[in-house]
Amino acid sequence: MSIRPWRDISRRKSRQIMVGNVPVGGDAPISVQTMTNTLTSDAGATIDQIRRAEDAGVDIVRVSCPDTESTAAMPEIVRAANVPIVADIHFHYKRALEAADAGAACLRINPGNIGSEERVREVIRAAKANGCSMRIGVNAGSLEKHLLDKYGEPCPDALVESALEHARILEDNDFHDFKISVKASDVFLAVAAYQGLADSTDYPLHLGITEAGGLRGGTVKSSIGMGSLLWAGIGDTIRVSLSAEPEEEVKVGYEMLKSLGLRHRGVQIISCPSCARQAFPVIKTVELLEQRLQHIHTPMSLSIIGCVVNGPGEARETDIGVTGGGNGNHMVYLSGVTDHKIKDDNFVDHVVGLVEAKAAEIEAASNQS
């Protein structure tokens, strides 16, 4: 029995597949994905972008393969990457065959535009021969014509039916190493489709609100849609689709999972919005700390509160806490207990040092256990 049952999330039971060396589904951690936006044919630029995503903690990276130049670059990209590479395939099924041969860990195909069942069977044969998993990627913007004719417009039932039709083709060909997504830019449509799909199958689900928008708007939209699904226990791997650099998608994805207690990586900063009571410039301080603490991967919590109204209470619940005090005497809490005071001089440097020391302590304890 949990001591805080209101925080518990009961995850949907799904079967597990492997995307390269990353387990997806079952009891595996929810993985964070992103997608490169360089020309895949430019292997150097694509690898550089993958490196930045890796530094941000990405688990899986997808690259688009629209032409033969792109699939020709795949072997170099796959060799250089430290995470599994998913080949994104639209229209030209032969690109999937080439990507599988080039070492892609997973093939993402869209049933709305990949073509006939025989073409899909060829993709399945290539996936089996190369040990690839697959993703059925249904999108509200590219539903099959017969479903649009049947339903009149993209709707949850249409997205689910498309996904299950394609799942049947894979299953009929004795292929079961796949995950499914039913993405839409409309939050209501996407959430309802995923809810329906979660009730209809036990395959792992890849979550996303497609074409969500820019960094701010897209983060909000994705957090509402994906957050509600994750809170309900739905979702095994996620991608936050933003008109922003891939590493920003990864950072938002981790923040989303951290806020729900589903995945922990790096420092979770709890900070106040600041007001006239603040005893130090909270907003600027938090901005600097976010920049200075990006290298910390150890899960831990840090509270930065400008005054004593909520500061002591928040500090009791975090690994390290700072509460603004009068005359530049700000109280520092370690593991919830008052420890010492600091002044404005070297405030940020001091907190960074405390975080680094705490991270080293946590890692040392983890290595001994």
Protein backbone atom coordinates (compact mmCIF):
# COMPACT_ATOMS: atom_id res chain seq x y z
CA MET A 1 0.00 0.00 0.00
CA SER A 2 1.53 3.33 -1.05
CA ILE A 3 1.93 6.00 1.59
CA ARG A 4 0.88 8.60 -1.00
CA PRO A 5 -1.74 6.82 -3.12
CA TRP A 6 -2.79 10.04 -4.83
CA ARG A 7 0.59 10.02 -6.60
CA ASP A 8 0.32 6.46 -7.89
CA ILE A 9 -0.10 5.80 -11.61
CA SER A 10 -1.14 2.31 -12.65
CA ARG A 11 0.39 1.74 -16.08
CA ARG A 12 -1.51 -0.16 -18.73
CA LYS A 13 -0.18 -3.67 -19.14
CA SER A 14 1.40 -3.96 -22.58
CA ARG A 15 3.62 -6.53 -24.23
CA GLN A 16 7.28 -5.62 -24.60
CA ILE A 17 9.29 -5.21 -27.79
CA MET A 18 12.88 -4.16 -28.39
CA VAL A 19 13.95 -1.13 -30.39
CA GLY A 20 17.60 -1.97 -30.75
CA ASN A 21 18.78 -2.36 -27.17
CA VAL A 22 15.93 -0.27 -25.70
CA PRO A 23 12.95 -2.18 -24.27
CA VAL A 24 9.58 -0.59 -25.01
CA GLY A 25 6.45 -1.67 -23.18
CA GLY A 26 5.94 -4.09 -20.34
CA ASP A 27 7.62 -2.85 -17.19
CA ALA A 28 10.33 -0.91 -19.06
CA PRO A 29 10.77 2.79 -18.30
CA ILE A 30 8.88 5.09 -20.67
CA SER A 31 11.45 5.98 -23.32
CA VAL A 32 11.96 9.46 -24.77
CA GLN A 33 12.32 9.92 -28.50
CA THR A 34 13.02 12.76 -30.89
CA MET A 35 13.51 13.18 -34.63
CA THR A 36 16.26 14.88 -36.58
CA ASN A 37 15.36 17.72 -38.94
CA THR A 38 18.56 17.81 -40.99
CA LEU A 39 18.83 16.30 -44.44
CA THR A 40 19.52 12.66 -43.62
CA SER A 41 21.74 12.51 -46.69
CA ASP A 42 24.03 14.94 -44.82
CA ALA A 43 25.36 12.34 -42.43
CA GLY A 44 27.67 14.75 -40.60
CA ALA A 45 24.93 17.26 -39.79
CA THR A 46 22.53 14.49 -38.80
CA ILE A 47 25.08 12.86 -36.50
CA ASP A 48 25.84 16.22 -34.86
CA GLN A 49 22.14 16.66 -34.14
CA ILE A 50 21.88 13.13 -32.74
CA ARG A 51 24.86 13.89 -30.45
CA ARG A 52 23.06 16.93 -28.97
CA ALA A 53 19.94 14.82 -28.42
CA GLU A 54 22.07 12.13 -26.75
CA ASP A 55 23.56 14.74 -24.43
CA ALA A 56 20.00 15.70 -23.46
CA GLY A 57 19.28 12.04 -22.59
CA VAL A 58 17.36 10.77 -25.63
CA ASP A 59 16.67 7.03 -25.76
CA ILE A 60 15.68 6.61 -29.42
CA VAL A 61 16.14 8.88 -32.47
CA ARG A 62 14.09 8.80 -35.65
CA VAL A 63 15.42 9.98 -39.01
CA SER A 64 13.45 10.53 -42.18
CA CYS A 65 14.31 8.44 -45.24
CA PRO A 66 12.57 10.09 -48.20
CA ASP A 67 15.13 9.13 -50.88
CA THR A 68 17.98 6.79 -51.76
CA GLU A 69 20.56 9.40 -50.71
CA SER A 70 19.11 9.24 -47.20
CA THR A 71 19.19 5.47 -46.90
CA ALA A 72 22.72 5.48 -48.38
CA ALA A 73 23.80 7.64 -45.41
CA MET A 74 22.12 5.37 -42.86
CA PRO A 75 25.03 2.94 -42.26
CA GLU A 76 27.31 5.82 -41.23
CA ILE A 77 24.60 7.35 -39.05
CA VAL A 78 23.78 4.05 -37.35
CA ARG A 79 27.45 3.34 -36.65
CA ALA A 80 27.99 6.78 -35.11
CA ALA A 81 24.85 6.84 -32.96
CA ASN A 82 24.86 5.61 -29.36
CA VAL A 83 21.09 5.08 -29.41
CA PRO A 84 18.82 3.04 -31.70
CA ILE A 85 17.86 4.71 -34.98
CA VAL A 86 14.32 4.52 -36.36
CA ALA A 87 13.85 4.98 -40.10
CA ASP A 88 10.80 7.08 -40.94
CA ILE A 89 9.19 5.80 -44.13
CA HIS A 90 6.45 7.43 -46.19
CA PHE A 91 5.20 6.53 -49.69
CA HIS A 92 8.29 4.67 -50.92
CA TYR A 93 8.32 1.24 -49.30
CA LYS A 94 11.67 0.41 -50.89
CA ARG A 95 13.27 2.97 -48.59
CA ALA A 96 12.16 0.72 -45.71
CA LEU A 97 13.91 -2.25 -47.31
CA GLU A 98 17.09 -0.21 -47.76
CA ALA A 99 16.94 1.22 -44.22
CA ALA A 100 16.52 -2.24 -42.71
CA ASP A 101 19.57 -3.47 -44.61
CA ALA A 102 21.46 -0.34 -43.49
CA GLY A 103 21.05 -1.15 -39.80
CA ALA A 104 17.94 0.72 -38.67
CA ALA A 105 16.64 -0.67 -35.38
CA CYS A 106 13.02 0.09 -36.23
CA LEU A 107 10.95 0.97 -39.28
CA ARG A 108 8.13 3.48 -38.95
CA ILE A 109 5.53 3.05 -41.66
CA ASN A 110 2.31 4.98 -42.24
CA PRO A 111 -0.56 2.76 -43.36
CA GLY A 112 -2.18 5.73 -45.05
CA ASN A 113 0.52 6.06 -47.66
CA ILE A 114 2.77 2.97 -47.70
CA GLY A 115 0.75 1.21 -50.40
CA SER A 116 -0.65 -2.28 -50.94
CA GLU A 117 -0.58 -5.17 -48.50
CA GLU A 118 2.03 -6.88 -50.67
CA ARG A 119 4.35 -3.91 -50.20
CA VAL A 120 3.80 -4.11 -46.47
CA ARG A 121 4.65 -7.81 -46.60
CA GLU A 122 7.94 -6.97 -48.30
CA VAL A 123 8.71 -4.52 -45.49
CA ILE A 124 7.87 -7.24 -42.94
CA ARG A 125 10.24 -9.67 -44.65
CA ALA A 126 13.03 -7.07 -44.55
CA ALA A 127 12.33 -6.33 -40.87
CA LYS A 128 12.46 -10.02 -39.97
CA ALA A 129 15.65 -10.57 -41.94
CA ASN A 130 17.41 -7.67 -40.19
CA GLY A 131 15.98 -7.99 -36.68
CA CYS A 132 14.07 -4.71 -36.90
CA SER A 133 11.00 -3.83 -34.91
CA MET A 134 8.31 -1.65 -36.51
CA ARG A 135 5.95 1.16 -35.65
CA ILE A 136 2.52 1.50 -37.16
CA GLY A 137 2.22 5.27 -37.38
CA VAL A 138 -1.36 6.37 -38.01
CA ASN A 139 -1.85 10.10 -38.51
CA ALA A 140 -5.14 12.00 -38.71
CA GLY A 141 -3.76 14.02 -41.62
CA SER A 142 -3.13 10.99 -43.84
CA LEU A 143 -5.89 8.49 -43.17
CA GLU A 144 -6.76 5.93 -45.84
CA LYS A 145 -9.44 7.00 -48.30
CA HIS A 146 -11.82 4.16 -47.43
CA LEU A 147 -11.85 5.26 -43.80
CA LEU A 148 -12.43 8.90 -44.68
CA ASP A 149 -15.30 7.78 -46.91
CA LYS A 150 -16.70 5.63 -44.11
CA TYR A 151 -16.46 8.18 -41.28
CA GLY A 152 -16.58 11.46 -43.21
CA GLU A 153 -13.63 12.96 -41.34
CA PRO A 154 -10.76 11.93 -39.08
CA CYS A 155 -12.26 10.71 -35.81
CA PRO A 156 -11.09 8.45 -32.96
CA ASP A 157 -12.81 5.36 -34.38
CA ALA A 158 -11.21 5.93 -37.78
CA LEU A 159 -7.70 6.22 -36.32
CA VAL A 160 -8.16 3.10 -34.19
CA GLU A 161 -9.60 1.13 -37.10
CA SER A 162 -6.66 2.12 -39.31
CA ALA A 163 -4.18 0.99 -36.66
CA LEU A 164 -5.91 -2.32 -36.02
CA GLU A 165 -6.26 -3.06 -39.74
CA HIS A 166 -2.54 -2.65 -40.15
CA ALA A 167 -1.78 -4.60 -36.99
CA ARG A 168 -3.79 -7.48 -38.45
CA ILE A 169 -1.60 -7.50 -41.58
CA LEU A 170 1.54 -7.72 -39.46
CA GLU A 171 0.04 -10.42 -37.24
CA ASP A 172 -1.18 -12.42 -40.26
CA ASN A 173 2.43 -12.47 -41.42
CA ASP A 174 3.61 -13.67 -38.00
CA PHE A 175 5.20 -10.35 -37.08
CA HIS A 176 4.56 -9.09 -33.56
CA ASP A 177 7.52 -6.83 -32.76
CA PHE A 178 5.71 -3.57 -33.27
CA LYS A 179 4.32 -0.57 -31.44
CA ILE A 180 1.47 1.69 -32.54
CA SER A 181 0.74 5.42 -32.59
CA VAL A 182 -2.46 7.27 -33.50
CA LYS A 183 -1.38 10.88 -33.67
CA ALA A 184 -3.39 14.01 -34.37
CA SER A 185 -2.73 17.73 -33.98
CA ASP A 186 -6.13 18.02 -32.28
CA VAL A 187 -5.63 17.17 -28.60
CA PHE A 188 -9.18 15.87 -28.12
CA LEU A 189 -8.94 13.61 -31.16
CA ALA A 190 -5.53 12.23 -30.25
CA VAL A 191 -6.42 11.52 -26.61
CA ALA A 192 -9.69 9.80 -27.51
CA ALA A 193 -7.97 7.71 -30.20
CA TYR A 194 -5.24 6.57 -27.82
CA GLN A 195 -7.82 5.73 -25.17
CA GLY A 196 -9.73 3.62 -27.67
CA LEU A 197 -6.57 1.92 -28.89
CA ALA A 198 -5.41 1.19 -25.34
CA ASP A 199 -8.69 -0.63 -24.73
CA SER A 200 -8.41 -2.60 -27.99
CA THR A 201 -4.89 -4.04 -27.92
CA ASP A 202 -1.97 -4.82 -25.64
CA TYR A 203 0.72 -3.66 -28.07
CA PRO A 204 3.02 -0.90 -26.74
CA LEU A 205 1.90 2.61 -27.63
CA HIS A 206 4.05 5.48 -28.85
CA LEU A 207 2.49 8.77 -27.71
CA GLY A 208 2.56 12.08 -29.48
CA ILE A 209 0.49 15.12 -30.37
CA THR A 210 1.64 15.66 -33.91
CA GLU A 211 2.45 19.10 -35.30
CA ALA A 212 1.96 20.55 -31.82
CA GLY A 213 3.57 23.91 -32.64
CA GLY A 214 6.49 25.96 -31.39
CA LEU A 215 8.48 25.54 -28.20
CA ARG A 216 6.00 27.26 -25.88
CA GLY A 217 2.66 26.44 -27.52
CA GLY A 218 3.71 22.94 -28.50
CA THR A 219 4.95 22.18 -25.00
CA VAL A 220 1.63 23.23 -23.48
CA LYS A 221 -0.41 21.33 -26.05
CA SER A 222 1.69 18.18 -25.74
CA SER A 223 1.65 18.35 -21.95
CA ILE A 224 -2.14 18.54 -21.85
CA GLY A 225 -2.68 15.67 -24.29
CA MET A 226 0.20 13.35 -23.47
CA GLY A 227 0.12 14.25 -19.80
CA SER A 228 -3.50 13.19 -19.45
CA LEU A 229 -2.73 9.86 -21.17
CA LEU A 230 0.39 9.21 -19.10
CA TRP A 231 -1.51 10.06 -15.93
CA ALA A 232 -4.07 7.42 -16.96
CA GLY A 233 -1.25 4.88 -17.36
CA ILE A 234 -1.30 4.92 -21.17
CA GLY A 235 1.95 5.17 -23.11
CA ASP A 236 5.24 3.29 -23.37
CA THR A 237 7.39 5.69 -25.37
CA ILE A 238 6.91 9.38 -26.20
CA ARG A 239 7.94 12.06 -28.63
CA VAL A 240 7.13 15.73 -28.08
CA SER A 241 6.71 17.16 -31.59
CA LEU A 242 7.92 20.77 -31.56
CA SER A 243 8.99 23.29 -34.15
CA ALA A 244 12.26 23.48 -32.23
CA GLU A 245 15.60 21.73 -32.06
CA PRO A 246 15.42 17.99 -31.26
CA GLU A 247 17.21 18.36 -27.93
CA GLU A 248 14.44 20.72 -26.80
CA GLU A 249 11.90 17.97 -27.49
CA VAL A 250 13.94 15.62 -25.31
CA LYS A 251 14.15 18.12 -22.45
CA VAL A 252 10.39 18.74 -22.52
CA GLY A 253 9.73 15.00 -22.64
CA TYR A 254 11.80 14.39 -19.54
CA GLU A 255 10.19 17.28 -17.69
CA MET A 256 6.79 15.82 -18.51
CA LEU A 257 7.76 12.40 -17.17
CA LYS A 258 9.48 13.88 -14.11
CA SER A 259 6.41 15.91 -13.20
CA LEU A 260 4.36 12.69 -13.09
CA GLY A 261 7.03 10.69 -11.28
CA LEU A 262 7.34 8.31 -14.24
CA ARG A 263 10.99 8.93 -15.09
CA HIS A 264 13.74 10.75 -13.27
CA ARG A 265 16.81 12.30 -14.87
CA GLY A 266 18.66 15.36 -13.71
CA VAL A 267 17.64 18.11 -11.32
CA GLN A 268 13.97 18.89 -10.82
CA ILE A 269 13.82 22.56 -9.86
CA ILE A 270 10.86 23.70 -7.78
CA SER A 271 10.75 27.49 -7.83
CA CYS A 272 8.28 30.26 -7.08
CA PRO A 273 7.11 32.78 -9.70
CA SER A 274 8.55 35.56 -7.47
CA CYS A 275 6.76 38.62 -6.09
CA ALA A 276 7.50 41.75 -4.06
CA ARG A 277 8.50 39.55 -1.12
CA GLN A 278 11.45 37.97 -2.94
CA ALA A 279 14.76 38.43 -1.16
CA PHE A 280 16.80 37.64 -4.27
CA PRO A 281 16.08 37.75 -8.05
CA VAL A 282 14.31 34.40 -8.35
CA ILE A 283 13.67 34.36 -12.11
CA LYS A 284 17.25 35.22 -13.08
CA THR A 285 18.62 32.80 -10.49
CA VAL A 286 16.53 29.91 -11.80
CA GLU A 287 17.49 30.69 -15.40
CA LEU A 288 21.18 30.55 -14.45
CA LEU A 289 20.75 27.36 -12.45
CA GLU A 290 18.93 25.63 -15.31
CA GLN A 291 21.87 26.45 -17.59
CA ARG A 292 24.56 25.53 -15.06
CA LEU A 293 22.99 22.23 -13.99
CA GLN A 294 22.38 20.66 -17.39
CA HIS A 295 25.38 18.37 -16.86
CA ILE A 296 23.78 16.73 -13.82
CA HIS A 297 22.05 13.48 -14.80
CA THR A 298 21.52 12.17 -11.27
CA PRO A 299 17.85 12.42 -10.23
CA MET A 300 17.43 14.94 -7.42
CA SER A 301 15.26 17.87 -6.36
CA LEU A 302 16.12 21.52 -5.70
CA SER A 303 13.77 24.18 -4.37
CA ILE A 304 14.46 27.88 -4.98
CA ILE A 305 11.90 30.01 -3.14
CA GLY A 306 12.19 33.76 -2.77
CA CYS A 307 10.74 34.20 0.73
CA VAL A 308 9.74 32.40 3.93
CA VAL A 309 6.02 32.03 3.13
CA ASN A 310 6.38 28.67 1.34
CA GLY A 311 10.17 28.30 1.28
CA PRO A 312 10.69 26.22 4.44
CA GLY A 313 7.83 23.88 3.59
CA GLU A 314 9.10 23.25 0.07
CA ALA A 315 12.66 22.80 1.35
CA ARG A 316 11.54 20.03 3.71
CA GLU A 317 10.46 18.00 0.66
CA THR A 318 13.56 18.48 -1.53
CA ASP A 319 17.16 17.30 -1.49
CA ILE A 320 18.45 20.87 -1.45
CA GLY A 321 16.42 23.99 -0.72
CA VAL A 322 17.10 27.69 -0.59
CA THR A 323 14.72 30.20 1.02
CA GLY A 324 15.22 33.93 0.66
CA GLY A 325 16.02 35.77 3.92
CA GLY A 326 16.40 39.34 5.06
CA ASN A 327 19.64 41.30 4.70
CA GLY A 328 20.95 38.82 2.17
CA ASN A 329 20.88 35.93 4.63
CA HIS A 330 19.30 33.11 2.66
CA MET A 331 18.70 29.81 4.42
CA VAL A 332 20.02 26.59 2.87
CA TYR A 333 18.36 23.27 3.67
CA LEU A 334 20.01 19.91 3.05
CA SER A 335 17.74 16.86 3.00
CA GLY A 336 14.98 18.99 4.48
CA VAL A 337 16.99 20.23 7.47
CA THR A 338 18.27 23.79 8.00
CA ASP A 339 22.01 23.73 7.46
CA HIS A 340 23.60 27.13 6.85
CA LYS A 341 23.05 30.63 5.48
CA ILE A 342 24.46 32.22 2.35
CA LYS A 343 24.61 35.79 1.08
CA ASP A 344 24.00 37.14 -2.41
CA ASP A 345 27.66 36.93 -3.38
CA ASN A 346 28.35 33.70 -5.30
CA PHE A 347 24.76 32.52 -4.67
CA VAL A 348 24.53 30.51 -7.89
CA ASP A 349 28.07 29.11 -7.65
CA HIS A 350 27.35 27.96 -4.11
CA VAL A 351 24.11 26.19 -5.06
CA VAL A 352 25.75 24.54 -8.07
CA GLY A 353 28.49 23.25 -5.79
CA LEU A 354 25.92 21.83 -3.37
CA VAL A 355 24.07 20.09 -6.19
CA GLU A 356 27.26 18.60 -7.63
CA ALA A 357 28.28 17.33 -4.20
CA LYS A 358 24.84 15.82 -3.58
CA ALA A 359 24.86 14.17 -7.00
CA ALA A 360 28.27 12.62 -6.26
CA GLU A 361 26.98 11.40 -2.90
CA ILE A 362 23.89 9.80 -4.48
CA GLU A 363 25.97 8.13 -7.19
CA ALA A 364 28.47 6.78 -4.67
CA ALA A 365 25.68 5.30 -2.56
CA SER A 366 24.10 3.79 -5.67
CA ASN A 367 27.38 2.17 -6.72
CA GLN A 368 27.81 0.59 -3.27
CA SER A 369 24.32 -0.93 -3.20
